[in-house]
């Protein structure tokens, strides 16, 4: 028997905050953006067409995740401007490069560089099966990755000042959310660059939305009368848009009362779960605060074949990570050109943080007595490359659809394919970065980037990002790779 149809989704003009939104700049959000909804579109019936997902946990708690330019986040490097979202399916092995560039001098690299700018038209190579991502015999041309990394490095004083400002803001909001009249009472700080709101709520059960693997309806198994969460229910479903709307409202009102800090709330971006705050003094810092529900039940079935770290970090580490809670954020499922605003999307940002913190196959990797690898440096450079290209081309050809989460996902797949610390020696930084770029190009050309935790989700599907956008970005990255990454010196 077919499940009952849910009420219609809202138009784009009826977003949770009631405000249209430009691209979110800065911050450390983790999910890819989605195409803007069409305001004129009719309101189709919302469908609950998925099979019932995993049942609820022992006790589930709504939470708030806030991401900022915290000191511990500097390890991952700058993130490109993004709109939050998370990935889908894993690409096949990268295509072999047509030719191998030999190591050259700075002058020879300049000689190879075309006089005109990079081509604007897309150009795809043949789509043929390729071998396992391997290391090139010789490192590419004459650019200096360590000089770029030095330019990106923040001083301890800069990190300290930023952390103090962000923590003061976070503490103020935590006190407000913990106030007696707040529906979000119980906020606590989880030291992963995120704030979590720990409100006690009834046990929940999940219902997968339209076989999406990543989006779910949230229902209460039992909801005591008089619960402050009643106002967020829509036909027994916990409405992500209603809860996010109230969350934004509380924060917007409260930042007016923060002393010694000039902070404003940026306009809401359609489809984004983030409340983005811009601290303008004493220095400009972008902070994303994300509402989330925590579930301590078993991870949903769609994640069973995800998190492929057994050959890299070990089976025990994987088992321990999968015992951690998972989260649901108000990132709505798309319904045509609209959004199903009652849905929540799975999030594993805390697991990604744990992996990047303890990234070595040997437990002493990058420790004082251990051998230093270049994994984190490669991720920093990958994020910076995307950030610079987005600065250069703006929203041309849909580059605003790409975000740092795409880069991070591709990077994690490269780590899976190359699990040994000896494959990431710091002296081979240039070569390792080139391998990461090659893999990302392969994902763009095959239009396939597998979500690291939900293999059925393809972050580069045409529903998420159009083919012309992927072709354009691919062409620009190929130009940079073949010419010593001149974009690193352009801004």
Protein backbone atom coordinates (compact mmCIF):
# COMPACT_ATOMS: atom_id res chain seq x y z
CA UNK A 1 0.00 0.00 0.00
CA UNK A 2 1.40 3.35 -1.05
CA UNK A 3 2.37 5.68 1.80
CA UNK A 4 0.28 8.84 2.28
CA UNK A 5 1.34 11.94 0.38
CA UNK A 6 2.78 14.78 2.40
CA UNK A 7 1.76 18.40 2.07
CA UNK A 8 3.20 20.51 -0.69
CA UNK A 9 6.72 21.86 -0.55
CA UNK A 10 7.22 25.57 -0.30
CA UNK A 11 8.24 27.79 -3.15
CA UNK A 12 11.71 29.16 -3.21
CA UNK A 13 10.37 32.51 -2.11
CA UNK A 14 8.99 30.85 1.03
CA UNK A 15 12.24 29.68 2.56
CA UNK A 16 12.52 29.15 6.27
CA UNK A 17 13.88 32.59 6.95
CA UNK A 18 11.69 34.36 4.42
CA UNK A 19 14.80 35.94 2.91
CA UNK A 20 16.44 35.23 -0.42
CA UNK A 21 20.14 34.48 -0.25
CA UNK A 22 23.37 34.97 -2.17
CA UNK A 23 26.23 32.51 -2.06
CA UNK A 24 27.62 32.02 1.43
CA UNK A 25 31.16 33.36 1.56
CA UNK A 26 33.84 31.94 3.82
CA UNK A 27 33.06 29.66 6.71
CA UNK A 28 33.86 25.97 6.88
CA UNK A 29 30.62 24.48 5.70
CA UNK A 30 30.64 21.00 4.32
CA UNK A 31 28.05 20.43 1.74
CA UNK A 32 27.70 21.19 -1.94
CA UNK A 33 25.25 23.80 -3.08
CA UNK A 34 22.02 23.09 -4.92
CA UNK A 35 20.42 24.91 -7.85
CA UNK A 36 18.14 27.75 -6.87
CA UNK A 37 14.45 26.95 -6.76
CA UNK A 38 12.03 28.58 -9.19
CA UNK A 39 9.73 31.02 -7.37
CA UNK A 40 6.93 30.76 -9.94
CA UNK A 41 6.69 26.98 -9.72
CA UNK A 42 3.50 25.42 -8.31
CA UNK A 43 3.55 23.66 -4.98
CA UNK A 44 3.61 19.94 -5.75
CA UNK A 45 2.54 17.40 -3.20
CA UNK A 46 5.39 16.32 -1.01
CA UNK A 47 5.97 12.61 -1.19
CA UNK A 48 6.96 10.19 1.48
CA UNK A 49 7.87 7.48 -0.97
CA UNK A 50 10.85 5.85 0.74
CA UNK A 51 10.87 2.67 2.71
CA UNK A 52 11.10 3.06 6.44
CA UNK A 53 14.66 3.68 7.51
CA UNK A 54 16.47 2.68 10.64
CA UNK A 55 14.43 3.06 13.74
CA UNK A 56 15.21 5.56 16.44
CA UNK A 57 17.93 5.50 19.02
CA UNK A 58 18.03 5.17 22.75
CA UNK A 59 17.54 8.90 23.15
CA UNK A 60 17.95 11.42 20.35
CA UNK A 61 18.97 15.01 20.83
CA UNK A 62 18.63 17.97 18.51
CA UNK A 63 21.95 19.74 18.29
CA UNK A 64 23.64 22.73 16.86
CA UNK A 65 26.88 22.55 14.93
CA UNK A 66 28.78 25.82 14.56
CA UNK A 67 31.83 26.01 12.35
CA UNK A 68 34.30 28.83 12.47
CA UNK A 69 37.88 29.76 11.83
CA UNK A 70 38.98 27.92 14.95
CA UNK A 71 42.58 27.07 15.64
CA UNK A 72 42.06 23.33 15.23
CA UNK A 73 40.42 23.88 11.83
CA UNK A 74 43.53 25.52 10.45
CA UNK A 75 44.98 22.06 9.93
CA UNK A 76 42.67 21.56 7.00
CA UNK A 77 43.44 24.86 5.35
CA UNK A 78 41.09 27.48 3.87
CA UNK A 79 37.76 26.37 2.51
CA UNK A 80 36.36 27.70 -0.71
CA UNK A 81 33.11 29.71 -0.40
CA UNK A 82 30.37 27.14 -0.17
CA UNK A 83 26.77 26.34 0.42
CA UNK A 84 26.44 23.36 2.71
CA UNK A 85 25.79 19.91 1.26
CA UNK A 86 27.18 16.39 1.29
CA UNK A 87 28.40 13.88 -1.33
CA UNK A 88 27.22 10.78 -3.30
CA UNK A 89 29.03 7.91 -5.23
CA UNK A 90 32.71 7.11 -5.82
CA UNK A 91 34.29 7.68 -9.18
CA UNK A 92 36.12 5.00 -11.01
CA UNK A 93 39.87 4.91 -11.17
CA UNK A 94 41.44 8.00 -12.69
CA UNK A 95 42.24 8.14 -16.34
CA UNK A 96 45.90 7.90 -17.30
CA UNK A 97 47.38 11.22 -18.29
CA UNK A 98 48.12 11.59 -21.97
CA UNK A 99 51.68 12.53 -21.23
CA UNK A 100 54.03 12.87 -18.31
CA UNK A 101 55.63 16.23 -17.72
CA UNK A 102 59.28 16.08 -16.86
CA UNK A 103 60.76 18.06 -14.03
CA UNK A 104 61.77 21.47 -15.33
CA UNK A 105 63.20 24.77 -14.24
CA UNK A 106 61.20 27.90 -13.59
CA UNK A 107 62.23 29.30 -16.94
CA UNK A 108 61.20 26.16 -18.79
CA UNK A 109 57.80 26.27 -17.06
CA UNK A 110 57.31 29.84 -18.23
CA UNK A 111 58.31 28.84 -21.72
CA UNK A 112 55.59 26.21 -21.80
CA UNK A 113 52.93 28.62 -20.63
CA UNK A 114 50.68 29.91 -23.42
CA UNK A 115 50.75 33.64 -24.05
CA UNK A 116 46.97 33.89 -23.91
CA UNK A 117 44.81 33.07 -20.89
CA UNK A 118 43.37 29.63 -20.20
CA UNK A 119 40.82 28.35 -22.71
CA UNK A 120 37.23 28.99 -21.65
CA UNK A 121 35.63 26.19 -23.60
CA UNK A 122 35.39 22.72 -22.12
CA UNK A 123 37.38 19.87 -23.53
CA UNK A 124 37.02 16.28 -22.44
CA UNK A 125 39.47 13.50 -22.93
CA UNK A 126 38.42 9.95 -23.78
CA UNK A 127 36.50 8.11 -21.12
CA UNK A 128 38.37 4.88 -20.83
CA UNK A 129 39.00 2.61 -17.88
CA UNK A 130 42.18 3.53 -16.10
CA UNK A 131 44.60 1.88 -13.73
CA UNK A 132 44.79 2.45 -9.98
CA UNK A 133 45.92 5.93 -9.08
CA UNK A 134 49.67 5.71 -9.23
CA UNK A 135 52.58 7.99 -8.67
CA UNK A 136 54.13 9.67 -11.64
CA UNK A 137 57.73 8.89 -12.45
CA UNK A 138 58.71 12.52 -12.25
CA UNK A 139 57.21 15.44 -10.39
CA UNK A 140 55.50 18.19 -12.43
CA UNK A 141 56.97 21.58 -13.30
CA UNK A 142 58.46 24.47 -11.43
CA UNK A 143 55.87 25.93 -9.09
CA UNK A 144 56.73 25.94 -5.38
CA UNK A 145 54.02 24.35 -3.21
CA UNK A 146 55.78 25.11 0.05
CA UNK A 147 55.83 28.82 -0.76
CA UNK A 148 52.07 28.71 -1.37
CA UNK A 149 51.49 26.89 1.93
CA UNK A 150 53.62 29.45 3.75
CA UNK A 151 51.43 32.21 2.33
CA UNK A 152 48.31 30.44 3.65
CA UNK A 153 49.69 29.90 7.14
CA UNK A 154 48.23 31.96 9.95
CA UNK A 155 50.40 33.10 12.81
CA UNK A 156 49.68 31.84 16.32
CA UNK A 157 48.58 35.33 17.29
CA UNK A 158 46.12 35.53 14.40
CA UNK A 159 44.68 32.13 15.32
CA UNK A 160 44.45 33.11 18.97
CA UNK A 161 42.63 36.36 18.22
CA UNK A 162 40.18 34.66 15.86
CA UNK A 163 39.50 31.84 18.33
CA UNK A 164 38.86 34.31 21.15
CA UNK A 165 36.34 36.29 19.10
CA UNK A 166 34.52 33.20 17.82
CA UNK A 167 34.43 31.54 21.23
CA UNK A 168 33.00 34.69 22.82
CA UNK A 169 30.26 34.73 20.19
CA UNK A 170 29.59 31.03 20.68
CA UNK A 171 29.39 31.31 24.45
CA UNK A 172 26.86 34.15 24.20
CA UNK A 173 24.62 32.19 21.82
CA UNK A 174 24.92 29.06 23.96
CA UNK A 175 23.64 30.96 26.99
CA UNK A 176 20.69 32.27 24.99
CA UNK A 177 19.79 28.89 23.55
CA UNK A 178 19.99 27.42 27.05
CA UNK A 179 17.53 29.94 28.47
CA UNK A 180 14.35 28.59 29.99
CA UNK A 181 12.04 29.88 27.30
CA UNK A 182 14.12 28.40 24.48
CA UNK A 183 13.05 25.26 22.59
CA UNK A 184 16.75 24.57 22.13
CA UNK A 185 17.61 24.30 25.80
CA UNK A 186 20.63 22.12 26.50
CA UNK A 187 23.21 23.45 24.05
CA UNK A 188 26.74 22.20 24.66
CA UNK A 189 30.08 22.61 22.91
CA UNK A 190 31.71 19.76 21.02
CA UNK A 191 35.33 20.60 20.32
CA UNK A 192 35.43 19.85 16.63
CA UNK A 193 34.83 23.41 15.57
CA UNK A 194 31.12 22.80 16.15
CA UNK A 195 28.43 23.62 18.67
CA UNK A 196 25.78 20.98 19.42
CA UNK A 197 22.35 21.68 20.88
CA UNK A 198 21.48 18.85 23.22
CA UNK A 199 17.76 19.15 23.81
CA UNK A 200 16.14 16.06 25.29
CA UNK A 201 13.46 14.84 22.91
CA UNK A 202 11.44 11.65 22.52
CA UNK A 203 13.00 8.72 20.67
CA UNK A 204 12.89 9.18 16.92
CA UNK A 205 12.46 6.96 13.90
CA UNK A 206 13.64 7.73 10.38
CA UNK A 207 11.77 7.28 7.14
CA UNK A 208 13.91 7.47 3.99
CA UNK A 209 12.73 10.01 1.45
CA UNK A 210 12.17 8.60 -2.05
CA UNK A 211 15.10 6.15 -1.95
CA UNK A 212 17.45 9.14 -1.73
CA UNK A 213 19.83 7.30 0.65
CA UNK A 214 20.72 10.64 2.27
CA UNK A 215 17.44 12.43 3.11
CA UNK A 216 14.95 11.38 5.77
CA UNK A 217 11.71 12.32 7.48
CA UNK A 218 12.04 12.39 11.26
CA UNK A 219 9.17 11.18 13.45
CA UNK A 220 8.83 10.74 17.20
CA UNK A 221 8.05 7.29 18.56
CA UNK A 222 6.38 8.94 21.54
CA UNK A 223 5.92 12.66 22.01
CA UNK A 224 4.66 13.75 25.46
CA UNK A 225 1.90 16.33 25.43
CA UNK A 226 3.07 19.87 25.96
CA UNK A 227 6.50 19.27 24.43
CA UNK A 228 8.10 22.52 23.16
CA UNK A 229 8.81 20.65 19.92
CA UNK A 230 5.09 20.32 19.11
CA UNK A 231 5.21 23.63 17.25
CA UNK A 232 7.67 22.10 14.73
CA UNK A 233 5.49 19.09 13.83
CA UNK A 234 3.73 18.79 10.48
CA UNK A 235 1.40 15.81 10.48
CA UNK A 236 3.63 13.94 12.91
CA UNK A 237 6.80 14.85 10.97
CA UNK A 238 9.46 17.09 12.57
CA UNK A 239 9.70 19.93 10.06
CA UNK A 240 13.29 20.89 9.29
CA UNK A 241 12.24 24.24 7.82
CA UNK A 242 10.13 25.24 10.83
CA UNK A 243 12.88 24.35 13.27
CA UNK A 244 15.53 26.16 11.22
CA UNK A 245 13.31 29.24 10.93
CA UNK A 246 12.94 29.52 14.72
CA UNK A 247 16.65 28.82 15.19
CA UNK A 248 17.60 31.66 12.82
CA UNK A 249 15.14 33.99 14.53
CA UNK A 250 16.64 33.43 17.99
CA UNK A 251 20.20 33.98 16.73
CA UNK A 252 19.25 37.07 14.71
CA UNK A 253 17.69 38.67 17.78
CA UNK A 254 20.51 37.71 20.10
CA UNK A 255 23.48 38.98 18.09
CA UNK A 256 22.11 42.50 18.58
CA UNK A 257 22.99 42.20 22.27
CA UNK A 258 26.59 41.00 21.88
CA UNK A 259 28.97 43.64 23.20
CA UNK A 260 32.44 44.43 21.85
CA UNK A 261 31.77 42.48 18.66
CA UNK A 262 30.44 43.82 15.35
CA UNK A 263 28.49 40.87 13.95
CA UNK A 264 25.73 40.57 11.34
CA UNK A 265 23.73 37.67 9.93
CA UNK A 266 24.08 37.07 6.20
CA UNK A 267 21.02 36.45 4.07
CA UNK A 268 19.84 32.87 3.87
CA UNK A 269 20.92 30.81 0.90
CA UNK A 270 18.20 28.63 -0.54
CA UNK A 271 18.66 25.02 0.41
CA UNK A 272 21.49 25.73 2.84
CA UNK A 273 21.20 24.59 6.48
CA UNK A 274 23.75 27.12 7.71
CA UNK A 275 23.11 30.29 9.71
CA UNK A 276 26.06 32.37 8.52
CA UNK A 277 27.34 35.15 10.77
CA UNK A 278 29.93 37.68 9.67
CA UNK A 279 32.12 39.11 12.41
CA UNK A 280 33.45 42.42 11.08
CA UNK A 281 35.60 43.58 14.02
CA UNK A 282 38.28 43.26 15.27
CA UNK A 283 38.90 41.19 12.13
CA UNK A 284 36.57 39.74 9.50
CA UNK A 285 35.58 36.15 10.26
CA UNK A 286 32.76 34.09 8.76
CA UNK A 287 31.04 31.62 11.09
CA UNK A 288 28.51 28.96 10.08
CA UNK A 289 26.15 27.66 12.75
CA UNK A 290 24.24 24.54 11.75
CA UNK A 291 21.25 23.04 13.50
CA UNK A 292 21.50 19.25 13.75
CA UNK A 293 19.74 16.28 15.29
CA UNK A 294 21.93 13.68 16.93
CA UNK A 295 21.03 10.00 16.69
CA UNK A 296 22.81 7.33 18.70
CA UNK A 297 21.17 4.46 16.85
CA UNK A 298 22.94 2.33 14.25
CA UNK A 299 23.89 4.19 11.10
CA UNK A 300 21.28 3.88 8.30
CA UNK A 301 21.56 0.98 5.86
CA UNK A 302 22.60 3.37 3.07
CA UNK A 303 25.96 3.83 4.83
CA UNK A 304 26.76 0.13 5.14
CA UNK A 305 29.30 0.09 2.29
CA UNK A 306 30.63 3.57 2.98
CA UNK A 307 33.62 4.78 5.01
CA UNK A 308 36.19 2.66 3.08
CA UNK A 309 39.06 3.02 5.55
CA UNK A 310 39.72 -0.63 6.49
CA UNK A 311 42.90 -0.89 4.39
CA UNK A 312 43.99 2.59 5.38
CA UNK A 313 43.25 3.18 9.08
CA UNK A 314 42.20 -0.35 9.98
CA UNK A 315 39.03 -2.32 10.69
CA UNK A 316 39.08 -1.52 14.42
CA UNK A 317 39.18 2.22 13.76
CA UNK A 318 36.30 1.87 11.30
CA UNK A 319 34.22 -0.13 13.77
CA UNK A 320 34.87 2.43 16.52
CA UNK A 321 33.89 5.33 14.26
CA UNK A 322 30.67 3.62 13.21
CA UNK A 323 29.70 3.36 16.88
CA UNK A 324 29.68 7.15 17.05
CA UNK A 325 26.39 9.05 16.66
CA UNK A 326 25.34 10.32 13.27
CA UNK A 327 23.65 13.64 12.60
CA UNK A 328 20.78 15.02 10.55
CA UNK A 329 20.91 18.60 9.30
CA UNK A 330 18.10 20.67 7.71
CA UNK A 331 19.48 20.33 4.20
CA UNK A 332 16.31 19.67 2.23
CA UNK A 333 15.83 17.10 -0.51
CA UNK A 334 15.12 18.51 -3.96
CA UNK A 335 11.73 17.96 -5.54
CA UNK A 336 12.15 19.06 -9.12
CA UNK A 337 13.17 22.69 -8.91
CA UNK A 338 11.81 23.01 -5.37
CA UNK A 339 12.81 21.66 -1.98
CA UNK A 340 11.02 19.19 0.29
CA UNK A 341 11.38 21.31 3.39
CA UNK A 342 10.32 18.71 5.94
CA UNK A 343 13.36 16.51 5.23
CA UNK A 344 16.71 16.22 7.00
CA UNK A 345 20.00 15.03 5.47
CA UNK A 346 22.66 12.77 6.98
CA UNK A 347 25.89 14.42 8.10
CA UNK A 348 29.19 12.88 9.23
CA UNK A 349 31.40 15.95 9.63
CA UNK A 350 32.57 14.81 13.07
CA UNK A 351 33.83 11.53 11.56
CA UNK A 352 35.66 13.41 8.80
CA UNK A 353 37.32 15.52 11.48
CA UNK A 354 38.42 12.40 13.36
CA UNK A 355 39.86 10.85 10.19
CA UNK A 356 41.83 13.96 9.24
CA UNK A 357 43.15 14.33 12.79
CA UNK A 358 44.40 10.72 12.93
CA UNK A 359 45.18 10.29 9.26
CA UNK A 360 48.23 8.02 9.25
CA UNK A 361 48.31 4.27 8.70
CA UNK A 362 51.08 4.20 11.29
CA UNK A 363 49.95 5.73 14.57
CA UNK A 364 53.03 7.96 14.77
CA UNK A 365 52.49 9.69 11.41
CA UNK A 366 53.21 13.43 11.79
CA UNK A 367 53.91 13.07 15.51
CA UNK A 368 57.09 14.49 17.02
CA UNK A 369 58.89 11.14 16.85
CA UNK A 370 57.20 10.04 13.64
CA UNK A 371 57.62 10.69 9.91
CA UNK A 372 55.78 13.72 8.53
CA UNK A 373 53.40 13.10 5.65
CA UNK A 374 51.88 15.66 3.26
CA UNK A 375 48.21 14.61 3.36
CA UNK A 376 46.93 17.74 5.08
CA UNK A 377 49.10 19.96 2.89
CA UNK A 378 47.57 18.38 -0.22
CA UNK A 379 44.07 19.03 1.11
CA UNK A 380 44.95 22.66 1.88
CA UNK A 381 46.26 23.17 -1.65
CA UNK A 382 43.23 21.47 -3.21
CA UNK A 383 40.86 23.73 -1.28
CA UNK A 384 42.93 26.78 -2.14
CA UNK A 385 42.95 25.87 -5.84
CA UNK A 386 39.15 25.74 -5.94
CA UNK A 387 38.88 28.93 -3.89
CA UNK A 388 41.21 30.83 -6.25
CA UNK A 389 39.37 29.64 -9.36
CA UNK A 390 36.05 30.70 -7.87
CA UNK A 391 37.52 34.12 -7.10
CA UNK A 392 38.80 34.41 -10.64
CA UNK A 393 35.64 33.33 -12.47
CA UNK A 394 32.95 34.12 -9.93
CA UNK A 395 29.68 32.43 -10.87
CA UNK A 396 30.71 31.89 -14.49
CA UNK A 397 29.64 28.51 -15.83
CA UNK A 398 28.21 27.59 -12.44
CA UNK A 399 31.45 27.47 -10.45
CA UNK A 400 29.44 28.52 -7.40
CA UNK A 401 27.99 24.99 -7.45
CA UNK A 402 31.34 23.57 -6.32
CA UNK A 403 32.47 23.67 -2.70
CA UNK A 404 35.25 22.50 -0.42
CA UNK A 405 33.25 19.40 0.48
CA UNK A 406 33.70 18.12 -3.08
CA UNK A 407 37.44 18.58 -2.74
CA UNK A 408 37.55 16.91 0.67
CA UNK A 409 35.54 13.93 -0.57
CA UNK A 410 37.83 13.40 -3.57
CA UNK A 411 40.86 13.73 -1.28
CA UNK A 412 39.52 11.04 1.09
CA UNK A 413 39.09 8.68 -1.86
CA UNK A 414 42.70 9.31 -2.88
CA UNK A 415 43.76 8.45 0.68
CA UNK A 416 41.78 5.21 0.42
CA UNK A 417 43.46 4.29 -2.86
CA UNK A 418 46.89 5.20 -1.49
CA UNK A 419 46.72 4.03 2.15
CA UNK A 420 50.43 3.77 3.01
CA UNK A 421 52.28 6.63 4.70
CA UNK A 422 55.21 5.97 2.37
CA UNK A 423 52.96 7.14 -0.49
CA UNK A 424 52.60 10.55 1.17
CA UNK A 425 56.16 11.49 2.17
CA UNK A 426 56.51 15.21 2.73
CA UNK A 427 59.40 15.42 0.27
CA UNK A 428 56.95 14.23 -2.42
CA UNK A 429 54.42 17.00 -1.75
CA UNK A 430 54.38 18.28 -5.33
CA UNK A 431 53.89 14.80 -6.76
CA UNK A 432 51.17 13.86 -4.24
CA UNK A 433 49.27 17.07 -4.90
CA UNK A 434 49.46 16.40 -8.63
CA UNK A 435 47.94 12.96 -8.03
CA UNK A 436 45.08 14.54 -6.05
CA UNK A 437 44.42 17.03 -8.84
CA UNK A 438 44.45 14.21 -11.43
CA UNK A 439 41.90 12.24 -9.44
CA UNK A 440 39.61 15.27 -9.04
CA UNK A 441 39.80 15.87 -12.79
CA UNK A 442 38.80 12.25 -13.35
CA UNK A 443 35.72 12.77 -11.17
CA UNK A 444 34.76 15.85 -13.16
CA UNK A 445 35.20 14.13 -16.52
CA UNK A 446 33.27 11.00 -15.56
CA UNK A 447 30.68 13.13 -13.68
CA UNK A 448 31.01 10.82 -10.72
CA UNK A 449 32.12 11.64 -7.17
CA UNK A 450 30.96 9.08 -4.65
CA UNK A 451 29.86 10.24 -1.23
CA UNK A 452 32.44 8.86 1.18
CA UNK A 453 29.82 7.62 3.64
CA UNK A 454 26.81 7.00 1.35
CA UNK A 455 28.10 5.24 -1.79
CA UNK A 456 24.77 5.46 -3.63
CA UNK A 457 25.00 9.26 -3.64
CA UNK A 458 26.83 10.86 -6.55
CA UNK A 459 27.88 14.41 -5.73
CA UNK A 460 28.67 15.11 -9.38
CA UNK A 461 25.42 13.82 -10.82
CA UNK A 462 23.74 16.10 -13.37
CA UNK A 463 20.89 16.64 -10.91
CA UNK A 464 23.42 18.26 -8.58
CA UNK A 465 25.76 20.04 -11.02
CA UNK A 466 25.26 20.52 -14.77
CA UNK A 467 27.71 19.01 -17.24
CA UNK A 468 28.84 22.41 -18.67
CA UNK A 469 29.93 23.50 -15.17
CA UNK A 470 32.01 20.36 -14.70
CA UNK A 471 33.55 20.72 -18.15
CA UNK A 472 34.47 24.34 -17.51
CA UNK A 473 36.08 23.63 -14.13
CA UNK A 474 37.91 20.66 -15.60
CA UNK A 475 39.36 22.82 -18.37
CA UNK A 476 40.55 25.47 -15.93
CA UNK A 477 42.18 22.94 -13.60
CA UNK A 478 43.94 21.24 -16.52
CA UNK A 479 45.33 24.61 -17.59
CA UNK A 480 46.59 25.28 -14.07
CA UNK A 481 48.14 21.83 -13.77
CA UNK A 482 49.93 22.11 -17.11
CA UNK A 483 51.27 25.60 -16.41
CA UNK A 484 52.52 25.43 -12.83
CA UNK A 485 49.31 26.71 -11.15
CA UNK A 486 49.62 30.45 -11.95
CA UNK A 487 46.28 31.11 -10.21
CA UNK A 488 48.01 30.66 -6.84
CA UNK A 489 49.78 33.98 -7.45
CA UNK A 490 46.84 35.94 -8.86
CA UNK A 491 45.10 37.10 -5.67
